[in-house]
Each structure stands twice: as structure tokens, then as C-alpha cells.
Amino acid sequence: MDSEDIPDFSSLKEETAYWKELSLKYKQSFQEA
């Protein structure tokens, strides 16, 4: 799977927060388009 640089997470909580933030960003930019 080729995706942009995904950071190494020290905890599952960190990873979940990262993906949640990312999906919110994508949702926002999708609605603005």
C-alpha cells in the first residue's frame, strides 16, 4: 500500500486521533469542493 508518510505511533490512542483528524480534514475539503 503506497500512502504518504504515516508517523510511527507510540500508542493506539495517538494513531486513532491521527486518523480521526485526517478524515475530518478530508471531509472538510471534500465539502468545500
Protein backbone atom coordinates (compact mmCIF):
# COMPACT_ATOMS: atom_id res chain seq x y z
CA MET A 1 0.00 0.00 0.00
CA ASP A 2 1.52 3.28 -1.09
CA SER A 3 0.45 6.18 1.09
CA GLU A 4 2.10 9.35 2.26
CA ASP A 5 4.38 9.34 5.28
CA ILE A 6 2.49 7.88 8.20
CA PRO A 7 4.19 8.64 11.50
CA ASP A 8 5.10 5.94 14.00
CA PHE A 9 2.62 5.99 16.83
CA SER A 10 3.63 5.31 20.39
CA SER A 11 0.09 4.32 21.30
CA LEU A 12 -3.16 3.23 19.71
CA LYS A 13 -4.81 6.35 21.09
CA GLU A 14 -2.37 8.53 19.17
CA GLU A 15 -2.99 6.60 15.98
CA THR A 16 -6.76 6.85 16.35
CA ALA A 17 -6.55 10.59 16.95
CA TYR A 18 -4.35 10.98 13.87
CA TRP A 19 -6.73 9.16 11.57
CA LYS A 20 -9.74 10.95 13.03
CA GLU A 21 -8.11 14.31 12.37
CA LEU A 22 -7.13 13.22 8.88
CA SER A 23 -10.64 12.08 7.99
CA LEU A 24 -12.10 15.34 9.29
CA LYS A 25 -9.67 17.26 7.09
CA TYR A 26 -10.63 15.23 4.04
CA LYS A 27 -14.33 15.60 4.79
CA GLN A 28 -13.93 19.37 5.11
CA SER A 29 -12.01 19.78 1.85
CA PHE A 30 -14.49 17.49 0.09
CA GLN A 31 -17.43 19.64 1.17
CA GLU A 32 -15.67 22.84 0.08
CA ALA A 33 -15.03 21.49 -3.41
